[in-house]
Each structure stands twice: as C-alpha cells, then as structure tokens.
Amino acid sequence: MYAGLVHKDKIRIVDKSNTGEQIKGVDALITKDLDLALCITVADCLPVFFGIVFFNN
C-alpha cells in the first residue's frame, strides 16, 4: 500500500486488509503490523520515516 501526498495534515491507520491499495488524501500511514511495508510517493519534498519496535521479554 502507498499514500499519495496531498500536503495536508491527514494520517491514516492501516493494516493488512489495505494491502495493494492506494490510500488517497493522506500524507502519512501508520500501522501496528510489523511485517507490513508502507510506501509513499514524493515529488518536491523529502519523506520522513519513523519506526518504533517494542519487544516483550
């Protein structure tokens, strides 16, 4: 799945049910699924990526 940037403050929470989908109208994607790749398309701006992984011991 990937987001097409719109230069707004919209974020969408996604999961595996969105696989293969273009998420329109958002600038960020968030997921809890560790094995899910998130992509965005950019033109004149740089993407910022954050990742946090929690491990239960």
C-alpha atoms as a PDB file:
ATOM      1  CA  MET A   1       0.000   0.000   0.000  1.00  0.00           C
ATOM      2  CA  TYR A   2       1.099   3.521  -0.531  1.00  0.00           C
ATOM      3  CA  ALA A   3      -0.038   7.084   0.082  1.00  0.00           C
ATOM      4  CA  GLY A   4      -0.137   9.835  -2.497  1.00  0.00           C
ATOM      5  CA  LEU A   5       0.949  13.050  -0.789  1.00  0.00           C
ATOM      6  CA  VAL A   6      -1.501  15.947  -0.615  1.00  0.00           C
ATOM      7  CA  HIS A   7       0.458  18.409   1.608  1.00  0.00           C
ATOM      8  CA  LYS A   8      -2.087  18.364   4.426  1.00  0.00           C
ATOM      9  CA  ASP A   9      -2.145  17.028   7.986  1.00  0.00           C
ATOM     10  CA  LYS A  10      -4.132  13.855   7.291  1.00  0.00           C
ATOM     11  CA  ILE A  11      -2.924  10.488   8.649  1.00  0.00           C
ATOM     12  CA  ARG A  12      -4.491   7.041   8.188  1.00  0.00           C
ATOM     13  CA  ILE A  13      -4.086   3.918  10.293  1.00  0.00           C
ATOM     14  CA  VAL A  14      -3.786   0.875   8.036  1.00  0.00           C
ATOM     15  CA  ASP A  15      -3.449  -2.895   8.386  1.00  0.00           C
ATOM     16  CA  LYS A  16      -3.087  -5.950   6.165  1.00  0.00           C
ATOM     17  CA  SER A  17      -6.645  -5.509   4.852  1.00  0.00           C
ATOM     18  CA  ASN A  18      -5.363  -2.457   2.922  1.00  0.00           C
ATOM     19  CA  THR A  19      -2.639  -4.425   1.063  1.00  0.00           C
ATOM     20  CA  GLY A  20      -2.218  -3.279  -2.553  1.00  0.00           C
ATOM     21  CA  GLU A  21      -4.370  -0.214  -2.027  1.00  0.00           C
ATOM     22  CA  GLN A  22      -3.510   3.397  -2.855  1.00  0.00           C
ATOM     23  CA  ILE A  23      -4.548   5.480   0.134  1.00  0.00           C
ATOM     24  CA  LYS A  24      -5.650   8.831  -1.267  1.00  0.00           C
ATOM     25  CA  GLY A  25      -5.892  12.150   0.551  1.00  0.00           C
ATOM     26  CA  VAL A  26      -3.304  11.481   3.278  1.00  0.00           C
ATOM     27  CA  ASP A  27       0.323  12.391   3.921  1.00  0.00           C
ATOM     28  CA  ALA A  28       1.159   9.637   6.416  1.00  0.00           C
ATOM     29  CA  LEU A  29       0.443   5.984   7.106  1.00  0.00           C
ATOM     30  CA  ILE A  30       0.637   4.242  10.482  1.00  0.00           C
ATOM     31  CA  THR A  31       0.409   0.512  11.210  1.00  0.00           C
ATOM     32  CA  LYS A  32       0.808  -1.938  14.089  1.00  0.00           C
ATOM     33  CA  ASP A  33       1.692  -4.769  11.671  1.00  0.00           C
ATOM     34  CA  LEU A  34       5.455  -5.366  11.840  1.00  0.00           C
ATOM     35  CA  ASP A  35       5.551  -7.281   8.548  1.00  0.00           C
ATOM     36  CA  LEU A  36       3.673  -4.673   6.501  1.00  0.00           C
ATOM     37  CA  ALA A  37       5.579  -2.351   4.151  1.00  0.00           C
ATOM     38  CA  LEU A  38       4.323   1.226   3.921  1.00  0.00           C
ATOM     39  CA  CYS A  39       5.228   3.410   0.928  1.00  0.00           C
ATOM     40  CA  ILE A  40       4.668   6.990  -0.145  1.00  0.00           C
ATOM     41  CA  THR A  41       5.200   8.880  -3.370  1.00  0.00           C
ATOM     42  CA  VAL A  42       7.099  12.168  -3.266  1.00  0.00           C
ATOM     43  CA  ALA A  43       7.988  14.867  -5.756  1.00  0.00           C
ATOM     44  CA  ASP A  44       9.461  18.093  -4.390  1.00  0.00           C
ATOM     45  CA  CYS A  45       9.757  17.167  -0.711  1.00  0.00           C
ATOM     46  CA  LEU A  46      11.693  14.654   1.379  1.00  0.00           C
ATOM     47  CA  PRO A  47       9.905  11.867   3.268  1.00  0.00           C
ATOM     48  CA  VAL A  48      10.416  11.389   6.999  1.00  0.00           C
ATOM     49  CA  PHE A  49      10.274   7.847   8.375  1.00  0.00           C
ATOM     50  CA  PHE A  50       9.802   6.817  11.996  1.00  0.00           C
ATOM     51  CA  GLY A  51       9.853   3.305  13.356  1.00  0.00           C
ATOM     52  CA  ILE A  52       9.358   2.026  16.869  1.00  0.00           C
ATOM     53  CA  VAL A  53       9.510  -1.662  17.732  1.00  0.00           C
ATOM     54  CA  PHE A  54       8.616  -2.979  21.163  1.00  0.00           C
ATOM     55  CA  PHE A  55       9.806  -6.396  22.295  1.00  0.00           C
ATOM     56  CA  ASN A  56       8.184  -8.360  25.095  1.00  0.00           C
ATOM     57  CA  ASN A  57      10.711 -10.418  27.017  1.00  0.00           C
END
